[in-house]
Amino acid sequence: MDQRRDVADDRRKYLNDLEMIRGLMARYEEQSLVRPWVFGVWGVLVILGTRISMQMSQSGSDTTRVLLIVWVPVLLVSGVLEALGWILQNRQSGSAIFTRRMNRLIATYGGIIAIVAIMVLDMVPTGLSGAVVLALGALPLLAYAQMTFSSLYVEAFALLVAGIGVDMWLSDTSGMTGIAGVVVGVLYIVCGVHTRIEERRVVGGAADSGDDG
């Protein structure tokens, strides 16, 4: 009888260990890759860039001039700060900088940057529509949600659905393009807050697992 009880206890312990390992693996997959403030930086710079772009367009500047004076600096500054946020995040988590997971993200974002560059350069003569701005804003979030917190798909698909709505039902004017830029910036800031909340949830879940063990 004691032997059966020991076997049952061992089996229960084995199943509990498997459950804990599964939970730890899931939490490893749902880890932020950059510091949450990176989203805030992108959001604020996108909103400021949109504001300046609209003012320049209204004063008669062509789209090529706006691209070179406003958006190239925005992309460079945001890119440098994002790299800093990436390094700081890896230092905090104690992870290696170039892991298999990180290499996948770098490859994905490299492809996204190439796609966005082709689309933007092709549309420079006519300017970007509001629908395109919203869709381009959703693209990086879709990739990031796939690599980190799946709940970030909410913001990504919100931008995508908004872009589809603008394209199908609304008059896509220059004013709509400005509104779309602000919406993208605001949603990026929301993503930063959302990411921070998810980080706290994962840390809290890990602490609970440690207590249970």
Protein backbone atom coordinates (compact mmCIF):
# COMPACT_ATOMS: atom_id res chain seq x y z
CA MET A 1 0.00 0.00 0.00
CA ASP A 2 2.83 2.38 0.91
CA GLN A 3 4.54 1.53 -2.35
CA ARG A 4 1.44 2.48 -4.35
CA ARG A 5 1.19 5.73 -2.42
CA ASP A 6 4.85 6.50 -3.17
CA VAL A 7 4.30 5.81 -6.87
CA ALA A 8 1.24 8.08 -6.90
CA ASP A 9 3.18 10.83 -5.10
CA ASP A 10 6.08 10.53 -7.54
CA ARG A 11 3.70 10.71 -10.49
CA ARG A 12 1.98 13.77 -9.04
CA LYS A 13 5.36 15.45 -8.45
CA TYR A 14 6.44 14.60 -11.99
CA LEU A 15 3.27 16.14 -13.45
CA ASN A 16 3.68 19.24 -11.29
CA ASP A 17 7.26 19.61 -12.50
CA LEU A 18 6.13 19.32 -16.11
CA GLU A 19 3.49 21.98 -15.52
CA MET A 20 6.05 24.30 -13.94
CA ILE A 21 8.49 23.78 -16.84
CA ARG A 22 5.72 24.48 -19.34
CA GLY A 23 4.85 27.68 -17.51
CA LEU A 24 8.46 28.81 -17.40
CA MET A 25 8.87 28.16 -21.12
CA ALA A 26 5.72 30.16 -21.87
CA ARG A 27 6.99 33.04 -19.75
CA TYR A 28 10.35 32.92 -21.53
CA GLU A 29 8.55 33.31 -24.85
CA GLU A 30 6.56 36.25 -23.46
CA GLN A 31 9.43 38.55 -22.57
CA SER A 32 9.96 42.10 -23.69
CA LEU A 33 12.84 42.60 -26.11
CA VAL A 34 13.25 46.34 -25.50
CA ARG A 35 12.55 48.62 -22.58
CA PRO A 36 8.90 49.82 -22.57
CA TRP A 37 9.95 53.47 -22.89
CA VAL A 38 11.12 52.72 -26.44
CA PHE A 39 7.47 52.62 -27.53
CA GLY A 40 6.96 55.99 -25.88
CA VAL A 41 9.94 57.44 -27.77
CA TRP A 42 8.57 56.16 -31.07
CA GLY A 43 5.11 57.44 -30.24
CA VAL A 44 6.19 60.95 -29.26
CA LEU A 45 8.53 61.32 -32.24
CA VAL A 46 5.89 60.05 -34.67
CA ILE A 47 3.37 62.56 -33.32
CA LEU A 48 5.90 65.42 -33.49
CA GLY A 49 7.03 64.33 -36.95
CA THR A 50 3.43 64.22 -38.15
CA ARG A 51 2.77 67.69 -36.78
CA ILE A 52 5.87 69.18 -38.43
CA SER A 53 5.15 67.34 -41.69
CA MET A 54 1.65 68.78 -41.88
CA GLN A 55 2.94 72.30 -41.23
CA MET A 56 5.62 71.93 -43.92
CA SER A 57 3.12 70.53 -46.42
CA GLN A 58 0.72 73.40 -45.77
CA SER A 59 3.56 75.88 -46.36
CA GLY A 60 4.26 74.34 -49.78
CA SER A 61 7.10 71.89 -49.09
CA ASP A 62 7.09 68.82 -51.33
CA THR A 63 6.99 65.28 -49.93
CA THR A 64 10.66 64.59 -50.72
CA ARG A 65 11.76 67.57 -48.63
CA VAL A 66 9.46 66.51 -45.78
CA LEU A 67 10.86 62.99 -45.92
CA LEU A 68 14.48 64.14 -45.74
CA ILE A 69 14.05 66.90 -43.15
CA VAL A 70 11.54 65.21 -40.83
CA TRP A 71 11.25 61.47 -41.20
CA VAL A 72 14.86 60.48 -41.84
CA PRO A 73 15.96 62.16 -38.56
CA VAL A 74 12.94 60.65 -36.74
CA LEU A 75 13.89 57.15 -37.93
CA LEU A 76 17.57 57.63 -37.08
CA VAL A 77 16.96 58.98 -33.56
CA SER A 78 14.28 56.40 -32.81
CA GLY A 79 16.47 53.61 -34.17
CA VAL A 80 19.44 54.59 -32.00
CA LEU A 81 17.29 54.86 -28.87
CA GLU A 82 15.60 51.54 -29.68
CA ALA A 83 19.03 49.89 -29.92
CA LEU A 84 19.86 51.40 -26.52
CA GLY A 85 16.58 50.09 -25.09
CA TRP A 86 17.38 46.66 -26.50
CA ILE A 87 20.85 46.60 -24.88
CA LEU A 88 19.51 47.81 -21.52
CA GLN A 89 16.74 45.19 -21.60
CA ASN A 90 19.24 42.40 -22.20
CA ARG A 91 21.49 43.65 -19.41
CA GLN A 92 18.57 43.75 -17.01
CA SER A 93 17.40 40.25 -17.91
CA GLY A 94 20.94 38.85 -17.99
CA SER A 95 20.40 37.46 -21.48
CA ALA A 96 22.91 37.30 -24.29
CA ILE A 97 22.38 40.03 -26.87
CA PHE A 98 22.44 37.78 -29.93
CA THR A 99 20.25 34.81 -29.12
CA ARG A 100 18.32 32.67 -31.61
CA ARG A 101 15.16 34.51 -30.64
CA MET A 102 16.82 37.89 -31.10
CA ASN A 103 18.32 36.89 -34.43
CA ARG A 104 14.83 35.97 -35.63
CA LEU A 105 13.54 39.38 -34.60
CA ILE A 106 16.43 41.19 -36.29
CA ALA A 107 15.83 39.26 -39.51
CA THR A 108 12.09 39.99 -39.33
CA TYR A 109 12.58 43.69 -38.72
CA GLY A 110 15.21 43.86 -41.45
CA GLY A 111 12.62 42.56 -43.90
CA ILE A 112 9.99 44.96 -42.57
CA ILE A 113 12.33 47.94 -42.95
CA ALA A 114 13.05 46.95 -46.54
CA ILE A 115 9.33 46.62 -47.32
CA VAL A 116 8.50 49.95 -45.69
CA ALA A 117 11.39 51.70 -47.48
CA ILE A 118 10.21 50.43 -50.87
CA MET A 119 6.62 51.51 -50.20
CA VAL A 120 7.55 54.94 -48.86
CA LEU A 121 10.02 55.76 -51.64
CA ASP A 122 7.52 54.61 -54.26
CA MET A 123 4.79 56.82 -52.77
CA VAL A 124 6.93 59.92 -52.15
CA PRO A 125 5.75 61.71 -55.32
CA THR A 126 2.08 61.47 -54.30
CA GLY A 127 2.40 61.27 -50.50
CA LEU A 128 1.26 58.58 -48.10
CA SER A 129 -2.45 58.11 -47.54
CA GLY A 130 -3.94 57.80 -44.06
CA ALA A 131 -4.76 54.14 -44.67
CA VAL A 132 -1.16 53.37 -45.62
CA VAL A 133 0.18 55.22 -42.57
CA LEU A 134 -2.03 53.15 -40.27
CA ALA A 135 -1.09 49.89 -42.01
CA LEU A 136 2.64 50.71 -41.84
CA GLY A 137 2.24 51.52 -38.14
CA ALA A 138 0.64 48.13 -37.54
CA LEU A 139 3.36 46.16 -39.32
CA PRO A 140 6.14 46.38 -36.68
CA LEU A 141 3.64 45.75 -33.87
CA LEU A 142 2.46 42.55 -35.53
CA ALA A 143 6.02 41.23 -35.64
CA TYR A 144 6.76 42.35 -32.08
CA ALA A 145 3.57 40.78 -30.70
CA GLN A 146 4.49 37.49 -32.39
CA MET A 147 7.91 37.53 -30.69
CA THR A 148 6.86 38.81 -27.26
CA PHE A 149 3.43 39.39 -25.71
CA SER A 150 0.56 38.07 -27.80
CA SER A 151 -1.79 40.57 -26.12
CA LEU A 152 -0.06 43.34 -28.13
CA TYR A 153 -1.95 42.04 -31.15
CA VAL A 154 -4.81 44.20 -29.82
CA GLU A 155 -3.01 47.45 -30.67
CA ALA A 156 -1.59 46.03 -33.90
CA PHE A 157 -4.97 44.92 -35.23
CA ALA A 158 -6.61 48.13 -34.00
CA LEU A 159 -4.31 50.06 -36.35
CA LEU A 160 -4.85 47.58 -39.15
CA VAL A 161 -8.63 47.66 -38.85
CA ALA A 162 -8.53 51.47 -38.70
CA GLY A 163 -6.47 51.51 -41.89
CA ILE A 164 -8.96 49.24 -43.64
CA GLY A 165 -11.82 51.44 -42.44
CA VAL A 166 -10.17 54.62 -43.72
CA ASP A 167 -9.40 52.97 -47.05
CA MET A 168 -12.94 51.69 -47.56
CA TRP A 169 -15.26 54.27 -46.04
CA LEU A 170 -13.56 57.60 -45.38
CA SER A 171 -12.27 60.35 -47.62
CA ASP A 172 -8.47 59.97 -47.54
CA THR A 173 -7.29 63.61 -47.49
CA SER A 174 -4.06 65.14 -46.24
CA GLY A 175 -5.87 65.92 -42.99
CA MET A 176 -6.69 62.24 -42.61
CA THR A 177 -3.02 61.41 -43.09
CA GLY A 178 -2.15 63.74 -40.20
CA ILE A 179 -4.81 62.17 -37.99
CA ALA A 180 -3.50 58.71 -38.90
CA GLY A 181 0.03 59.69 -37.86
CA VAL A 182 -1.19 60.92 -34.49
CA VAL A 183 -3.23 57.74 -33.98
CA VAL A 184 -0.16 55.61 -34.69
CA GLY A 185 1.88 57.63 -32.21
CA VAL A 186 -0.75 57.35 -29.49
CA LEU A 187 -1.11 53.58 -30.02
CA TYR A 188 2.66 53.17 -29.73
CA ILE A 189 2.62 54.99 -26.40
CA VAL A 190 -0.24 52.73 -25.30
CA CYS A 191 1.90 49.73 -26.32
CA GLY A 192 4.66 50.94 -24.03
CA VAL A 193 2.27 51.06 -21.07
CA HIS A 194 0.78 47.71 -22.10
CA THR A 195 4.26 46.14 -22.31
CA ARG A 196 5.12 47.39 -18.83
CA ILE A 197 1.92 45.86 -17.45
CA GLU A 198 2.71 42.55 -19.14
CA GLU A 199 6.24 42.57 -17.71
CA ARG A 200 4.86 42.98 -14.21
CA ARG A 201 2.38 40.16 -14.83
CA VAL A 202 5.14 37.80 -15.94
CA VAL A 203 7.37 38.72 -13.01
CA GLY A 204 4.46 38.22 -10.61
CA GLY A 205 3.63 34.87 -12.19
CA ALA A 206 7.24 33.73 -11.90
CA ALA A 207 7.30 34.71 -8.23
CA ASP A 208 4.09 32.75 -7.62
CA SER A 209 5.61 29.68 -9.31
CA GLY A 210 8.69 30.00 -7.12
CA ASP A 211 6.54 30.16 -4.00
CA ASP A 212 4.57 27.12 -5.10
CA GLY A 213 7.77 25.19 -5.68
